[in-house]
Amino acid sequence: MEIKAKVKHIHMSPRKVRLVVNVIRGWEVNKALDQLKFINKWAAKPIIKLINSAIANANNNYEIAKDNLYIKEIRVDEGATIHRWMPKAHGRATPIRKRTSHVYIVLSEIKASVKKQIKRKETEAPIRLSQKPKDEKYVSEKRKEVSKEKMPSEFKSEKGKVIVDPREEGQGKHTKIEGSSQKGFVNKIFRRKSG
């Protein structure tokens, strides 16, 4: 039985994370956790969290004991790199690459136990709207509430008015055209500045 877990976007370069991961590859889970507690590297903390997550997956989904697990596979991949610039002398700048890592782990059983099905939570059948009877009392109360909320008489008189903002004149929205509103036949054919 294989139990998988992953952690993504660790803010540390894969090269530094691999220093920690290479120590515990193939170890039993308990020994690996003990070793990681005493490794003086920043990358040990997210790896401990990842192993604990994988143990929780094994316990919750397959009911496998922590003592019966070992690290079958652990892999560190490169994540997204954020590019930044460090200003230097004489107007130059040097690139800074802030690298991230993705870590994938696969745990397996030391002694193969009887394969258990994944525990699936039983869900209730979905209720369709057409099947559920509507409560007439509730619907009628809602209609009464809406009818009670009527508009005041002040707003009724202003309902048909068109609001024109004088600040928008001349910006193409309510532009007033000076002179005749229609172009004549002569102006369409004989342009003033055409050569």
Protein backbone atom coordinates (compact mmCIF):
# COMPACT_ATOMS: atom_id res chain seq x y z
CA MET A 1 0.00 0.00 0.00
CA GLU A 2 1.43 3.37 -1.03
CA ILE A 3 0.56 6.54 0.81
CA LYS A 4 1.33 9.82 -0.93
CA ALA A 5 1.69 13.38 0.28
CA LYS A 6 3.22 16.55 -1.13
CA VAL A 7 4.20 20.05 -0.15
CA LYS A 8 4.58 22.81 -2.73
CA HIS A 9 6.21 26.22 -2.92
CA ILE A 10 8.72 25.85 -0.08
CA HIS A 11 10.71 29.10 -0.12
CA MET A 12 14.08 27.41 -0.41
CA SER A 13 16.13 26.21 -3.34
CA PRO A 14 15.83 22.50 -4.21
CA ARG A 15 19.58 22.08 -3.78
CA LYS A 16 19.35 23.00 -0.08
CA VAL A 17 16.23 20.88 0.53
CA ARG A 18 17.88 17.84 -1.08
CA LEU A 19 20.65 17.98 1.54
CA VAL A 20 18.04 17.11 4.18
CA VAL A 21 15.99 14.71 2.06
CA ASN A 22 18.98 12.58 1.03
CA VAL A 23 19.69 11.75 4.69
CA ILE A 24 16.30 10.11 5.39
CA ARG A 25 15.55 8.38 2.08
CA GLY A 26 14.58 4.72 2.68
CA TRP A 27 14.36 5.06 6.48
CA GLU A 28 11.56 4.05 8.82
CA VAL A 29 9.22 6.92 9.60
CA ASN A 30 9.97 7.09 13.35
CA LYS A 31 13.74 7.10 12.82
CA ALA A 32 13.44 9.71 10.08
CA LEU A 33 11.43 12.05 12.33
CA ASP A 34 13.96 11.64 15.17
CA GLN A 35 16.83 12.40 12.80
CA LEU A 36 15.11 15.48 11.35
CA LYS A 37 14.63 16.99 14.81
CA PHE A 38 18.40 17.22 15.24
CA ILE A 39 19.38 18.32 11.72
CA ASN A 40 20.45 21.96 11.90
CA LYS A 41 18.91 22.97 8.57
CA TRP A 42 15.91 25.20 7.92
CA ALA A 43 14.52 22.71 5.38
CA ALA A 44 13.98 20.10 8.12
CA LYS A 45 10.80 21.81 9.41
CA PRO A 46 8.69 21.53 6.22
CA ILE A 47 9.93 17.95 5.70
CA ILE A 48 8.79 17.00 9.23
CA LYS A 49 5.37 18.51 8.47
CA LEU A 50 5.20 16.58 5.20
CA ILE A 51 6.02 13.24 6.85
CA ASN A 52 3.42 13.89 9.57
CA SER A 53 0.87 14.67 6.85
CA ALA A 54 1.64 11.39 5.07
CA ILE A 55 1.33 9.48 8.38
CA ALA A 56 -2.06 11.13 8.98
CA ASN A 57 -3.16 10.09 5.47
CA ALA A 58 -2.15 6.49 6.18
CA ASN A 59 -3.91 6.45 9.53
CA ASN A 60 -7.10 8.14 8.37
CA ASN A 61 -7.58 6.52 4.96
CA TYR A 62 -6.13 3.02 5.43
CA GLU A 63 -5.84 2.64 9.24
CA ILE A 64 -2.13 1.76 9.01
CA ALA A 65 -0.02 2.12 12.15
CA LYS A 66 2.85 4.61 12.23
CA ASP A 67 5.34 1.87 13.26
CA ASN A 68 4.65 -0.09 10.06
CA LEU A 69 5.68 2.66 7.61
CA TYR A 70 8.91 3.55 5.85
CA ILE A 71 9.88 6.17 3.28
CA LYS A 72 9.76 4.37 -0.06
CA GLU A 73 10.35 7.44 -2.20
CA ILE A 74 10.98 11.12 -1.54
CA ARG A 75 11.62 13.58 -4.35
CA VAL A 76 12.44 17.29 -4.50
CA ASP A 77 11.49 19.17 -7.66
CA GLU A 78 12.08 22.76 -8.65
CA GLY A 79 9.14 25.12 -8.28
CA ALA A 80 8.55 28.60 -9.63
CA THR A 81 11.47 31.03 -9.54
CA ILE A 82 10.83 34.66 -8.62
CA HIS A 83 13.22 37.09 -10.30
CA ARG A 84 14.41 40.19 -8.46
CA TRP A 85 17.24 42.67 -9.07
CA MET A 86 19.97 43.94 -6.74
CA PRO A 87 21.28 47.43 -7.58
CA LYS A 88 25.07 47.61 -7.85
CA ALA A 89 27.71 50.26 -8.52
CA HIS A 90 28.02 52.19 -11.80
CA GLY A 91 24.32 51.85 -12.63
CA ARG A 92 24.43 48.09 -12.92
CA ALA A 93 22.07 45.51 -11.44
CA THR A 94 22.57 41.83 -10.75
CA PRO A 95 19.77 39.26 -10.84
CA ILE A 96 18.48 37.53 -7.71
CA ARG A 97 16.66 34.24 -8.24
CA LYS A 98 14.34 33.33 -5.37
CA ARG A 99 13.83 29.64 -5.96
CA THR A 100 11.05 27.43 -4.58
CA SER A 101 10.75 23.67 -4.15
CA HIS A 102 8.07 20.98 -4.44
CA VAL A 103 8.57 17.86 -2.29
CA TYR A 104 6.73 14.59 -2.96
CA ILE A 105 6.80 11.62 -0.58
CA VAL A 106 5.58 8.02 -0.90
CA LEU A 107 5.30 5.88 2.23
CA SER A 108 4.93 2.12 2.12
CA GLU A 109 4.29 -0.67 4.63
CA ILE A 110 7.15 -2.66 6.15
CA LYS A 111 4.95 -5.73 6.68
CA ALA A 112 2.12 -6.00 4.18
CA SER A 113 -1.21 -6.03 5.96
CA VAL A 114 -4.59 -7.00 4.60
CA LYS A 115 -5.57 -4.44 1.98
CA LYS A 116 -8.36 -2.27 3.22
CA GLN A 117 -10.63 -0.20 1.08
CA ILE A 118 -10.38 3.53 1.37
CA LYS A 119 -12.84 4.76 3.95
CA ARG A 120 -15.44 6.73 2.08
CA LYS A 121 -17.80 8.98 3.93
CA GLU A 122 -21.39 8.19 3.12
CA THR A 123 -23.17 11.13 1.62
CA GLU A 124 -26.88 11.59 1.55
CA ALA A 125 -28.69 11.54 -1.74
CA PRO A 126 -29.03 15.05 -3.18
CA ILE A 127 -32.39 16.73 -2.78
CA ARG A 128 -33.82 17.99 -6.03
CA LEU A 129 -35.81 21.19 -6.03
CA SER A 130 -38.70 19.65 -7.93
CA GLN A 131 -39.12 16.94 -5.27
CA LYS A 132 -39.08 19.22 -2.24
CA PRO A 133 -42.53 20.66 -1.49
CA LYS A 134 -42.62 24.41 -1.08
CA ASP A 135 -43.95 25.80 2.14
CA GLU A 136 -46.79 28.08 1.05
CA LYS A 137 -46.78 29.94 4.35
CA TYR A 138 -43.15 30.97 3.92
CA VAL A 139 -43.68 32.05 0.29
CA SER A 140 -46.73 34.17 1.13
CA GLU A 141 -44.88 35.91 3.99
CA LYS A 142 -42.05 36.86 1.63
CA ARG A 143 -44.53 38.34 -0.85
CA LYS A 144 -46.14 40.41 1.89
CA GLU A 145 -42.76 41.78 2.99
CA VAL A 146 -41.94 42.86 -0.56
CA SER A 147 -45.31 44.56 -1.02
CA LYS A 148 -44.91 46.47 2.26
CA GLU A 149 -41.64 47.97 1.11
CA LYS A 150 -42.97 50.59 -1.30
CA MET A 151 -41.10 53.53 -2.70
CA PRO A 152 -41.75 56.94 -1.11
CA SER A 153 -43.73 59.45 -3.16
CA GLU A 154 -40.62 61.68 -3.59
CA PHE A 155 -38.89 59.11 -5.75
CA LYS A 156 -41.97 58.31 -7.85
CA SER A 157 -42.08 61.79 -9.40
CA GLU A 158 -38.40 61.62 -10.36
CA LYS A 159 -38.67 58.19 -11.94
CA GLY A 160 -39.01 59.37 -15.56
CA LYS A 161 -36.32 62.08 -15.45
CA VAL A 162 -33.06 61.73 -17.36
CA ILE A 163 -30.05 62.81 -15.35
CA VAL A 164 -27.44 64.75 -17.32
CA ASP A 165 -24.12 65.48 -15.69
CA PRO A 166 -22.68 68.81 -16.95
CA ARG A 167 -19.16 67.61 -16.16
CA GLU A 168 -19.41 64.97 -18.87
CA GLU A 169 -20.26 67.42 -21.64
CA GLY A 170 -17.52 67.69 -24.20
CA GLN A 171 -16.08 64.25 -23.40
CA GLY A 172 -18.11 62.48 -26.05
CA LYS A 173 -20.99 61.43 -23.82
CA HIS A 174 -23.39 64.39 -24.01
CA THR A 175 -21.55 66.50 -26.56
CA LYS A 176 -23.58 69.36 -27.97
CA ILE A 177 -22.93 69.92 -31.65
CA GLU A 178 -22.79 73.56 -32.65
CA GLY A 179 -24.32 74.64 -35.93
CA SER A 180 -26.55 72.41 -38.01
CA SER A 181 -27.31 68.97 -36.68
CA GLN A 182 -27.35 67.42 -40.19
CA LYS A 183 -24.60 67.63 -42.79
CA GLY A 184 -25.67 68.85 -46.16
CA PHE A 185 -25.25 67.06 -49.51
CA VAL A 186 -22.56 69.49 -50.69
CA ASN A 187 -20.40 68.98 -47.58
CA LYS A 188 -20.41 65.22 -48.09
CA ILE A 189 -19.00 65.42 -51.63
CA PHE A 190 -16.90 68.60 -51.63
CA ARG A 191 -14.56 68.45 -48.66
CA ARG A 192 -12.95 71.70 -47.56
CA LYS A 193 -9.37 70.46 -47.39
CA SER A 194 -9.28 67.70 -50.00
CA GLY A 195 -6.70 68.49 -52.67
